[in-house]
Amino acid sequence: MNLLRLRMHHLIEQLADEDLQDIWDVIEALYYDFYMLKAIEEVKRSQQPWDILTHEEAIRLLMFF
């Protein structure tokens, strides 16, 4: 693990600041995508057939809140 960390630091030190910002933007987007995928998977595991509403039922429910 330490070897990997040292290699990563070495690679990061060689990058320009502009490149670091571009890389960070990509990593951040991937992190949020992964977070959403995990949330979707969790909902799929816990969802029951009776949890789904029709479009009309959902609108009626939202109108009374």
PDB file of N, CA and C in Angstrom:
ATOM      1  N   MET A   1       0.817  -1.187   0.000  1.00  0.00           N
ATOM      2  CA  MET A   1       0.000   0.000   0.000  1.00  0.00           C
ATOM      3  C   MET A   1       0.864   1.256   0.000  1.00  0.00           C
ATOM      4  N   ASN A   2       1.920   1.251   0.773  1.00  0.00           N
ATOM      5  CA  ASN A   2       2.803   2.415   0.812  1.00  0.00           C
ATOM      6  C   ASN A   2       3.473   2.646  -0.535  1.00  0.00           C
ATOM      7  N   LEU A   3       3.827   1.575  -1.217  1.00  0.00           N
ATOM      8  CA  LEU A   3       4.446   1.713  -2.535  1.00  0.00           C
ATOM      9  C   LEU A   3       3.482   2.373  -3.507  1.00  0.00           C
ATOM     10  N   LEU A   4       2.232   1.954  -3.469  1.00  0.00           N
ATOM     11  CA  LEU A   4       1.222   2.559  -4.328  1.00  0.00           C
ATOM     12  C   LEU A   4       1.044   4.035  -3.994  1.00  0.00           C
ATOM     13  N   ARG A   5       1.005   4.356  -2.730  1.00  0.00           N
ATOM     14  CA  ARG A   5       0.858   5.743  -2.302  1.00  0.00           C
ATOM     15  C   ARG A   5       2.034   6.590  -2.780  1.00  0.00           C
ATOM     16  N   LEU A   6       3.244   6.060  -2.654  1.00  0.00           N
ATOM     17  CA  LEU A   6       4.423   6.790  -3.120  1.00  0.00           C
ATOM     18  C   LEU A   6       4.387   7.014  -4.630  1.00  0.00           C
ATOM     19  N   ARG A   7       3.975   6.008  -5.368  1.00  0.00           N
ATOM     20  CA  ARG A   7       3.891   6.144  -6.826  1.00  0.00           C
ATOM     21  C   ARG A   7       2.839   7.167  -7.222  1.00  0.00           C
ATOM     22  N   MET A   8       1.694   7.174  -6.510  1.00  0.00           N
ATOM     23  CA  MET A   8       0.645   8.153  -6.798  1.00  0.00           C
ATOM     24  C   MET A   8       1.130   9.568  -6.522  1.00  0.00           C
ATOM     25  N   HIS A   9       1.811   9.761  -5.400  1.00  0.00           N
ATOM     26  CA  HIS A   9       2.348  11.088  -5.085  1.00  0.00           C
ATOM     27  C   HIS A   9       3.352  11.536  -6.143  1.00  0.00           C
ATOM     28  N   HIS A  10       4.166  10.612  -6.586  1.00  0.00           N
ATOM     29  CA  HIS A  10       5.157  10.933  -7.622  1.00  0.00           C
ATOM     30  C   HIS A  10       4.465  11.357  -8.919  1.00  0.00           C
ATOM     31  N   LEU A  11       3.415  10.634  -9.293  1.00  0.00           N
ATOM     32  CA  LEU A  11       2.678  10.991 -10.511  1.00  0.00           C
ATOM     33  C   LEU A  11       1.973  12.334 -10.373  1.00  0.00           C
ATOM     34  N   ILE A  12       1.383  12.585  -9.220  1.00  0.00           N
ATOM     35  CA  ILE A  12       0.665  13.843  -8.996  1.00  0.00           C
ATOM     36  C   ILE A  12       1.622  15.027  -9.041  1.00  0.00           C
ATOM     37  N   GLU A  13       2.801  14.866  -8.484  1.00  0.00           N
ATOM     38  CA  GLU A  13       3.775  15.954  -8.473  1.00  0.00           C
ATOM     39  C   GLU A  13       4.230  16.338  -9.881  1.00  0.00           C
ATOM     40  N   GLN A  14       4.122  15.429 -10.819  1.00  0.00           N
ATOM     41  CA  GLN A  14       4.558  15.701 -12.180  1.00  0.00           C
ATOM     42  C   GLN A  14       3.501  16.422 -13.018  1.00  0.00           C
ATOM     43  N   LEU A  15       2.277  16.512 -12.510  1.00  0.00           N
ATOM     44  CA  LEU A  15       1.190  17.128 -13.269  1.00  0.00           C
ATOM     45  C   LEU A  15       1.129  18.633 -13.030  1.00  0.00           C
ATOM     46  N   ALA A  16       0.705  19.347 -14.066  1.00  0.00           N
ATOM     47  CA  ALA A  16       0.502  20.783 -13.934  1.00  0.00           C
ATOM     48  C   ALA A  16      -0.789  21.047 -13.166  1.00  0.00           C
ATOM     49  N   ASP A  17      -0.915  22.244 -12.599  1.00  0.00           N
ATOM     50  CA  ASP A  17      -2.104  22.588 -11.825  1.00  0.00           C
ATOM     51  C   ASP A  17      -3.374  22.493 -12.660  1.00  0.00           C
ATOM     52  N   GLU A  18      -3.318  22.886 -13.926  1.00  0.00           N
ATOM     53  CA  GLU A  18      -4.490  22.813 -14.803  1.00  0.00           C
ATOM     54  C   GLU A  18      -4.913  21.357 -15.001  1.00  0.00           C
ATOM     55  N   ASP A  19      -3.921  20.489 -15.162  1.00  0.00           N
ATOM     56  CA  ASP A  19      -4.228  19.062 -15.331  1.00  0.00           C
ATOM     57  C   ASP A  19      -4.851  18.477 -14.073  1.00  0.00           C
ATOM     58  N   LEU A  20      -4.364  18.910 -12.914  1.00  0.00           N
ATOM     59  CA  LEU A  20      -4.932  18.423 -11.663  1.00  0.00           C
ATOM     60  C   LEU A  20      -6.403  18.813 -11.538  1.00  0.00           C
ATOM     61  N   GLN A  21      -6.727  20.033 -11.952  1.00  0.00           N
ATOM     62  CA  GLN A  21      -8.124  20.464 -11.879  1.00  0.00           C
ATOM     63  C   GLN A  21      -8.984  19.642 -12.829  1.00  0.00           C
ATOM     64  N   ASP A  22      -8.488  19.371 -14.037  1.00  0.00           N
ATOM     65  CA  ASP A  22      -9.242  18.548 -14.991  1.00  0.00           C
ATOM     66  C   ASP A  22      -9.449  17.136 -14.455  1.00  0.00           C
ATOM     67  N   ILE A  23      -8.404  16.576 -13.883  1.00  0.00           N
ATOM     68  CA  ILE A  23      -8.490  15.224 -13.329  1.00  0.00           C
ATOM     69  C   ILE A  23      -9.456  15.198 -12.154  1.00  0.00           C
ATOM     70  N   TRP A  24      -9.386  16.236 -11.305  1.00  0.00           N
ATOM     71  CA  TRP A  24     -10.297  16.297 -10.164  1.00  0.00           C
ATOM     72  C   TRP A  24     -11.749  16.354 -10.627  1.00  0.00           C
ATOM     73  N   ASP A  25     -12.026  17.138 -11.674  1.00  0.00           N
ATOM     74  CA  ASP A  25     -13.393  17.240 -12.190  1.00  0.00           C
ATOM     75  C   ASP A  25     -13.912  15.877 -12.657  1.00  0.00           C
ATOM     76  N   VAL A  26     -13.062  15.114 -13.315  1.00  0.00           N
ATOM     77  CA  VAL A  26     -13.458  13.784 -13.792  1.00  0.00           C
ATOM     78  C   VAL A  26     -13.687  12.836 -12.613  1.00  0.00           C
ATOM     79  N   ILE A  27     -12.773  12.859 -11.650  1.00  0.00           N
ATOM     80  CA  ILE A  27     -12.903  11.979 -10.486  1.00  0.00           C
ATOM     81  C   ILE A  27     -14.146  12.334  -9.677  1.00  0.00           C
ATOM     82  N   GLU A  28     -14.421  13.616  -9.544  1.00  0.00           N
ATOM     83  CA  GLU A  28     -15.602  14.044  -8.799  1.00  0.00           C
ATOM     84  C   GLU A  28     -16.884  13.558  -9.478  1.00  0.00           C
ATOM     85  N   ALA A  29     -16.947  13.688 -10.804  1.00  0.00           N
ATOM     86  CA  ALA A  29     -18.122  13.219 -11.548  1.00  0.00           C
ATOM     87  C   ALA A  29     -18.280  11.706 -11.402  1.00  0.00           C
ATOM     88  N   LEU A  30     -17.180  10.977 -11.479  1.00  0.00           N
ATOM     89  CA  LEU A  30     -17.244   9.523 -11.308  1.00  0.00           C
ATOM     90  C   LEU A  30     -17.704   9.144  -9.907  1.00  0.00           C
ATOM     91  N   TYR A  31     -17.242   9.886  -8.913  1.00  0.00           N
ATOM     92  CA  TYR A  31     -17.655   9.622  -7.536  1.00  0.00           C
ATOM     93  C   TYR A  31     -19.167   9.796  -7.383  1.00  0.00           C
ATOM     94  N   TYR A  32     -19.711  10.884  -7.924  1.00  0.00           N
ATOM     95  CA  TYR A  32     -21.156  11.114  -7.822  1.00  0.00           C
ATOM     96  C   TYR A  32     -21.941  10.063  -8.602  1.00  0.00           C
ATOM     97  N   ASP A  33     -21.438   9.665  -9.771  1.00  0.00           N
ATOM     98  CA  ASP A  33     -22.099   8.604 -10.532  1.00  0.00           C
ATOM     99  C   ASP A  33     -22.118   7.299  -9.740  1.00  0.00           C
ATOM    100  N   PHE A  34     -20.992   6.965  -9.124  1.00  0.00           N
ATOM    101  CA  PHE A  34     -20.906   5.747  -8.323  1.00  0.00           C
ATOM    102  C   PHE A  34     -21.848   5.818  -7.127  1.00  0.00           C
ATOM    103  N   TYR A  35     -21.913   6.993  -6.487  1.00  0.00           N
ATOM    104  CA  TYR A  35     -22.807   7.194  -5.347  1.00  0.00           C
ATOM    105  C   TYR A  35     -24.256   6.964  -5.758  1.00  0.00           C
ATOM    106  N   MET A  36     -24.658   7.508  -6.906  1.00  0.00           N
ATOM    107  CA  MET A  36     -26.029   7.338  -7.382  1.00  0.00           C
ATOM    108  C   MET A  36     -26.316   5.887  -7.750  1.00  0.00           C
ATOM    109  N   LEU A  37     -25.363   5.212  -8.386  1.00  0.00           N
ATOM    110  CA  LEU A  37     -25.557   3.807  -8.726  1.00  0.00           C
ATOM    111  C   LEU A  37     -25.755   2.954  -7.478  1.00  0.00           C
ATOM    112  N   LYS A  38     -24.972   3.226  -6.440  1.00  0.00           N
ATOM    113  CA  LYS A  38     -25.126   2.486  -5.189  1.00  0.00           C
ATOM    114  C   LYS A  38     -26.505   2.741  -4.585  1.00  0.00           C
ATOM    115  N   ALA A  39     -26.974   3.986  -4.636  1.00  0.00           N
ATOM    116  CA  ALA A  39     -28.297   4.311  -4.098  1.00  0.00           C
ATOM    117  C   ALA A  39     -29.382   3.601  -4.897  1.00  0.00           C
ATOM    118  N   ILE A  40     -29.255   3.574  -6.212  1.00  0.00           N
ATOM    119  CA  ILE A  40     -30.239   2.890  -7.060  1.00  0.00           C
ATOM    120  C   ILE A  40     -30.248   1.396  -6.759  1.00  0.00           C
ATOM    121  N   GLU A  41     -29.069   0.803  -6.609  1.00  0.00           N
ATOM    122  CA  GLU A  41     -28.997  -0.623  -6.289  1.00  0.00           C
ATOM    123  C   GLU A  41     -29.655  -0.920  -4.945  1.00  0.00           C
ATOM    124  N   GLU A  42     -29.444  -0.043  -3.960  1.00  0.00           N
ATOM    125  CA  GLU A  42     -30.047  -0.242  -2.647  1.00  0.00           C
ATOM    126  C   GLU A  42     -31.567  -0.169  -2.734  1.00  0.00           C
ATOM    127  N   VAL A  43     -32.086   0.769  -3.503  1.00  0.00           N
ATOM    128  CA  VAL A  43     -33.531   0.886  -3.664  1.00  0.00           C
ATOM    129  C   VAL A  43     -34.084  -0.350  -4.361  1.00  0.00           C
ATOM    130  N   LYS A  44     -33.396  -0.829  -5.375  1.00  0.00           N
ATOM    131  CA  LYS A  44     -33.861  -2.024  -6.078  1.00  0.00           C
ATOM    132  C   LYS A  44     -33.920  -3.227  -5.144  1.00  0.00           C
ATOM    133  N   ARG A  45     -32.971  -3.320  -4.211  1.00  0.00           N
ATOM    134  CA  ARG A  45     -32.959  -4.441  -3.269  1.00  0.00           C
ATOM    135  C   ARG A  45     -34.091  -4.333  -2.249  1.00  0.00           C
ATOM    136  N   SER A  46     -34.406  -3.113  -1.840  1.00  0.00           N
ATOM    137  CA  SER A  46     -35.388  -2.951  -0.773  1.00  0.00           C
ATOM    138  C   SER A  46     -36.801  -2.683  -1.280  1.00  0.00           C
ATOM    139  N   GLN A  47     -36.968  -2.440  -2.560  1.00  0.00           N
ATOM    140  CA  GLN A  47     -38.279  -2.093  -3.107  1.00  0.00           C
ATOM    141  C   GLN A  47     -39.180  -3.323  -3.206  1.00  0.00           C
ATOM    142  N   GLN A  48     -40.417  -3.122  -2.848  1.00  0.00           N
ATOM    143  CA  GLN A  48     -41.428  -4.171  -2.926  1.00  0.00           C
ATOM    144  C   GLN A  48     -42.403  -3.831  -4.050  1.00  0.00           C
ATOM    145  N   PRO A  49     -43.074  -4.820  -4.607  1.00  0.00           N
ATOM    146  CA  PRO A  49     -44.006  -4.541  -5.718  1.00  0.00           C
ATOM    147  C   PRO A  49     -45.078  -3.516  -5.367  1.00  0.00           C
ATOM    148  N   TRP A  50     -45.515  -3.465  -4.121  1.00  0.00           N
ATOM    149  CA  TRP A  50     -46.570  -2.524  -3.750  1.00  0.00           C
ATOM    150  C   TRP A  50     -46.036  -1.118  -3.480  1.00  0.00           C
ATOM    151  N   ASP A  51     -44.705  -0.910  -3.585  1.00  0.00           N
ATOM    152  CA  ASP A  51     -44.118   0.416  -3.380  1.00  0.00           C
ATOM    153  C   ASP A  51     -44.265   1.324  -4.597  1.00  0.00           C
ATOM    154  N   ILE A  52     -44.656   0.786  -5.728  1.00  0.00           N
ATOM    155  CA  ILE A  52     -44.696   1.555  -6.971  1.00  0.00           C
ATOM    156  C   ILE A  52     -46.097   2.126  -7.167  1.00  0.00           C
ATOM    157  N   LEU A  53     -46.151   3.421  -7.465  1.00  0.00           N
ATOM    158  CA  LEU A  53     -47.416   4.083  -7.741  1.00  0.00           C
ATOM    159  C   LEU A  53     -47.554   4.337  -9.230  1.00  0.00           C
ATOM    160  N   THR A  54     -48.782   4.408  -9.691  1.00  0.00           N
ATOM    161  CA  THR A  54     -49.000   4.838 -11.068  1.00  0.00           C
ATOM    162  C   THR A  54     -48.802   6.345 -11.124  1.00  0.00           C
ATOM    163  N   HIS A  55     -48.712   6.879 -12.316  1.00  0.00           N
ATOM    164  CA  HIS A  55     -48.522   8.318 -12.492  1.00  0.00           C
ATOM    165  C   HIS A  55     -49.670   9.089 -11.842  1.00  0.00           C
ATOM    166  N   GLU A  56     -50.885   8.639 -12.062  1.00  0.00           N
ATOM    167  CA  GLU A  56     -52.051   9.309 -11.497  1.00  0.00           C
ATOM    168  C   GLU A  56     -52.062   9.235  -9.971  1.00  0.00           C
ATOM    169  N   GLU A  57     -51.693   8.083  -9.422  1.00  0.00           N
ATOM    170  CA  GLU A  57     -51.647   7.944  -7.968  1.00  0.00           C
ATOM    171  C   GLU A  57     -50.605   8.872  -7.358  1.00  0.00           C
ATOM    172  N   ALA A  58     -49.466   8.968  -8.012  1.00  0.00           N
ATOM    173  CA  ALA A  58     -48.403   9.841  -7.505  1.00  0.00           C
ATOM    174  C   ALA A  58     -48.836  11.300  -7.535  1.00  0.00           C
ATOM    175  N   ILE A  59     -49.494  11.733  -8.613  1.00  0.00           N
ATOM    176  CA  ILE A  59     -49.962  13.115  -8.707  1.00  0.00           C
ATOM    177  C   ILE A  59     -51.013  13.388  -7.636  1.00  0.00           C
ATOM    178  N   ARG A  60     -51.954  12.474  -7.458  1.00  0.00           N
ATOM    179  CA  ARG A  60     -52.970  12.646  -6.427  1.00  0.00           C
ATOM    180  C   ARG A  60     -52.329  12.745  -5.042  1.00  0.00           C
ATOM    181  N   LEU A  61     -51.343  11.905  -4.784  1.00  0.00           N
ATOM    182  CA  LEU A  61     -50.667  11.916  -3.494  1.00  0.00           C
ATOM    183  C   LEU A  61     -49.927  13.242  -3.267  1.00  0.00           C
ATOM    184  N   LEU A  62     -49.261  13.735  -4.314  1.00  0.00           N
ATOM    185  CA  LEU A  62     -48.518  14.999  -4.189  1.00  0.00           C
ATOM    186  C   LEU A  62     -49.450  16.193  -4.017  1.00  0.00           C
ATOM    187  N   MET A  63     -50.621  16.151  -4.585  1.00  0.00           N
ATOM    188  CA  MET A  63     -51.551  17.272  -4.495  1.00  0.00           C
ATOM    189  C   MET A  63     -52.104  17.447  -3.084  1.00  0.00           C
ATOM    190  N   PHE A  64     -52.115  16.388  -2.288  1.00  0.00           N
ATOM    191  CA  PHE A  64     -52.682  16.485  -0.955  1.00  0.00           C
ATOM    192  C   PHE A  64     -51.625  16.683   0.127  1.00  0.00           C
ATOM    193  N   PHE A  65     -50.371  16.890  -0.246  1.00  0.00           N
ATOM    194  CA  PHE A  65     -49.324  17.167   0.749  1.00  0.00           C
ATOM    195  C   PHE A  65     -49.041  18.629   0.833  1.00  0.00           C
TER     196      PHE A  65
END
